[in-house]
Amino acid sequence: MDGTPQEITTLVGREVYSNNGVFVGEIEDVRLDVNGNTVTGLAVGELNRELFSDVVGRRNGVMIPYRWVRAVGDVVLINDIIERLQRPEADEQEAAV
């Protein structure tokens, strides 16, 4: 994210990975704040069912807040928050320490 303006449509079709290298899904669309001319979210489909089976059930996609995006290049890297969905007990243990 070097600040160079790009077409928003270039995001569509890019694969999304966590910063730990786990495949999350593929960008199908973007959510915009029209007044601020900024991207506020990524509509991700073709989900990694291992990550999302308990969260989305039979739905086909999720909306990921753009603030989770760490880097945009050939792929999009997001924070590992997605992986934490699978391990809520680990987060509770970390919070207790």
C-alpha atoms as a PDB file:
ATOM      1  CA  MET A   1       0.000   0.000   0.000  1.00  0.00           C
ATOM      2  CA  ASP A   2       2.349   2.628  -1.299  1.00  0.00           C
ATOM      3  CA  GLY A   3      -0.304   5.328  -1.608  1.00  0.00           C
ATOM      4  CA  THR A   4      -0.377   5.241  -5.405  1.00  0.00           C
ATOM      5  CA  PRO A   5      -3.993   5.509  -6.587  1.00  0.00           C
ATOM      6  CA  GLN A   6      -5.226   2.371  -8.324  1.00  0.00           C
ATOM      7  CA  GLU A   7      -8.490   1.185  -9.777  1.00  0.00           C
ATOM      8  CA  ILE A   8     -10.618  -0.436  -7.106  1.00  0.00           C
ATOM      9  CA  THR A   9     -11.511  -3.178  -9.526  1.00  0.00           C
ATOM     10  CA  THR A  10      -7.910  -4.417  -9.408  1.00  0.00           C
ATOM     11  CA  LEU A  11      -8.695  -5.877  -5.963  1.00  0.00           C
ATOM     12  CA  VAL A  12     -11.425  -8.137  -7.313  1.00  0.00           C
ATOM     13  CA  GLY A  13     -10.147 -11.648  -7.924  1.00  0.00           C
ATOM     14  CA  ARG A  14      -7.114 -11.372  -5.658  1.00  0.00           C
ATOM     15  CA  GLU A  15      -6.553 -14.081  -3.109  1.00  0.00           C
ATOM     16  CA  VAL A  16      -6.604 -13.167   0.569  1.00  0.00           C
ATOM     17  CA  TYR A  17      -4.196 -14.728   3.065  1.00  0.00           C
ATOM     18  CA  SER A  18      -3.601 -14.185   6.756  1.00  0.00           C
ATOM     19  CA  ASN A  19      -0.221 -12.777   7.689  1.00  0.00           C
ATOM     20  CA  ASN A  20       0.618 -16.351   8.781  1.00  0.00           C
ATOM     21  CA  GLY A  21       0.128 -17.593   5.217  1.00  0.00           C
ATOM     22  CA  VAL A  22      -3.283 -19.263   5.661  1.00  0.00           C
ATOM     23  CA  PHE A  23      -5.596 -18.960   2.656  1.00  0.00           C
ATOM     24  CA  VAL A  24      -8.770 -17.056   3.614  1.00  0.00           C
ATOM     25  CA  GLY A  25     -10.627 -16.622   0.306  1.00  0.00           C
ATOM     26  CA  GLU A  26     -10.894 -14.539  -2.842  1.00  0.00           C
ATOM     27  CA  ILE A  27     -12.098 -10.943  -3.134  1.00  0.00           C
ATOM     28  CA  GLU A  28     -15.405 -10.733  -4.976  1.00  0.00           C
ATOM     29  CA  ASP A  29     -16.304  -7.100  -4.295  1.00  0.00           C
ATOM     30  CA  VAL A  30     -15.406  -4.076  -2.189  1.00  0.00           C
ATOM     31  CA  ARG A  31     -17.446  -1.909   0.175  1.00  0.00           C
ATOM     32  CA  LEU A  32     -16.941   1.832  -0.237  1.00  0.00           C
ATOM     33  CA  ASP A  33     -17.503   4.912   1.859  1.00  0.00           C
ATOM     34  CA  VAL A  34     -18.784   7.039  -0.990  1.00  0.00           C
ATOM     35  CA  ASN A  35     -18.426  10.311   0.909  1.00  0.00           C
ATOM     36  CA  GLY A  36     -14.841   9.628   1.894  1.00  0.00           C
ATOM     37  CA  ASN A  37     -13.901   7.845  -1.340  1.00  0.00           C
ATOM     38  CA  THR A  38     -12.292   5.028   0.643  1.00  0.00           C
ATOM     39  CA  VAL A  39     -12.551   1.255   0.745  1.00  0.00           C
ATOM     40  CA  THR A  40     -14.085   0.139   4.048  1.00  0.00           C
ATOM     41  CA  GLY A  41     -14.426  -3.593   3.499  1.00  0.00           C
ATOM     42  CA  LEU A  42     -13.701  -6.555   1.280  1.00  0.00           C
ATOM     43  CA  ALA A  43     -16.391  -9.038   0.265  1.00  0.00           C
ATOM     44  CA  VAL A  44     -14.560 -12.364   0.278  1.00  0.00           C
ATOM     45  CA  GLY A  45     -15.912 -15.531  -1.307  1.00  0.00           C
ATOM     46  CA  GLU A  46     -14.437 -18.899  -2.260  1.00  0.00           C
ATOM     47  CA  LEU A  47     -13.796 -19.228   1.461  1.00  0.00           C
ATOM     48  CA  ASN A  48     -11.433 -21.559   3.218  1.00  0.00           C
ATOM     49  CA  ARG A  49     -14.169 -23.733   4.739  1.00  0.00           C
ATOM     50  CA  GLU A  50     -11.845 -24.988   7.481  1.00  0.00           C
ATOM     51  CA  LEU A  51     -11.653 -21.439   8.851  1.00  0.00           C
ATOM     52  CA  PHE A  52     -15.278 -20.437   8.424  1.00  0.00           C
ATOM     53  CA  SER A  53     -17.468 -23.538   8.694  1.00  0.00           C
ATOM     54  CA  ASP A  54     -18.630 -22.747  12.248  1.00  0.00           C
ATOM     55  CA  VAL A  55     -19.027 -19.037  11.556  1.00  0.00           C
ATOM     56  CA  VAL A  56     -20.784 -18.760   8.205  1.00  0.00           C
ATOM     57  CA  GLY A  57     -22.478 -22.128   7.886  1.00  0.00           C
ATOM     58  CA  ARG A  58     -23.731 -22.507   4.329  1.00  0.00           C
ATOM     59  CA  ARG A  59     -23.230 -18.867   3.327  1.00  0.00           C
ATOM     60  CA  ASN A  60     -20.865 -18.165   0.468  1.00  0.00           C
ATOM     61  CA  GLY A  61     -18.880 -15.208   1.759  1.00  0.00           C
ATOM     62  CA  VAL A  62     -17.889 -12.799   4.488  1.00  0.00           C
ATOM     63  CA  MET A  63     -17.200  -9.079   4.738  1.00  0.00           C
ATOM     64  CA  ILE A  64     -13.730  -8.319   6.085  1.00  0.00           C
ATOM     65  CA  PRO A  65     -13.098  -4.808   7.446  1.00  0.00           C
ATOM     66  CA  TYR A  66     -10.430  -3.041   5.416  1.00  0.00           C
ATOM     67  CA  ARG A  67      -8.667  -2.018   8.633  1.00  0.00           C
ATOM     68  CA  TRP A  68      -7.545  -5.678   8.909  1.00  0.00           C
ATOM     69  CA  VAL A  69      -5.577  -5.371   5.645  1.00  0.00           C
ATOM     70  CA  ARG A  70      -1.835  -5.349   6.226  1.00  0.00           C
ATOM     71  CA  ALA A  71      -0.582  -5.349   2.619  1.00  0.00           C
ATOM     72  CA  VAL A  72      -1.885  -5.342  -0.953  1.00  0.00           C
ATOM     73  CA  GLY A  73       0.167  -6.800  -3.765  1.00  0.00           C
ATOM     74  CA  ASP A  74      -0.333  -9.856  -5.948  1.00  0.00           C
ATOM     75  CA  VAL A  75      -2.293 -11.144  -2.950  1.00  0.00           C
ATOM     76  CA  VAL A  76      -3.902  -9.344  -0.016  1.00  0.00           C
ATOM     77  CA  LEU A  77      -2.543 -10.005   3.471  1.00  0.00           C
ATOM     78  CA  ILE A  78      -4.765  -9.494   6.484  1.00  0.00           C
ATOM     79  CA  ASN A  79      -4.231  -9.743  10.228  1.00  0.00           C
ATOM     80  CA  ASP A  80      -4.411 -13.220  11.719  1.00  0.00           C
ATOM     81  CA  ILE A  81      -7.719 -12.361  13.401  1.00  0.00           C
ATOM     82  CA  ILE A  82      -9.444 -14.794  11.034  1.00  0.00           C
ATOM     83  CA  GLU A  83      -7.443 -17.707  12.427  1.00  0.00           C
ATOM     84  CA  ARG A  84      -8.516 -16.732  15.940  1.00  0.00           C
ATOM     85  CA  LEU A  85     -12.087 -17.583  15.016  1.00  0.00           C
ATOM     86  CA  GLN A  86     -11.083 -21.236  15.241  1.00  0.00           C
ATOM     87  CA  ARG A  87      -9.398 -20.970  18.650  1.00  0.00           C
ATOM     88  CA  PRO A  88     -11.562 -18.942  21.021  1.00  0.00           C
ATOM     89  CA  GLU A  89     -10.325 -20.992  23.967  1.00  0.00           C
ATOM     90  CA  ALA A  90      -6.733 -19.986  23.167  1.00  0.00           C
ATOM     91  CA  ASP A  91      -7.699 -16.311  23.187  1.00  0.00           C
ATOM     92  CA  GLU A  92      -9.435 -16.707  26.546  1.00  0.00           C
ATOM     93  CA  GLN A  93      -6.290 -18.311  27.985  1.00  0.00           C
ATOM     94  CA  GLU A  94      -4.117 -15.490  26.617  1.00  0.00           C
ATOM     95  CA  ALA A  95      -6.465 -12.894  28.110  1.00  0.00           C
ATOM     96  CA  ALA A  96      -6.301 -14.614  31.501  1.00  0.00           C
ATOM     97  CA  VAL A  97      -2.499 -14.473  31.650  1.00  0.00           C
END
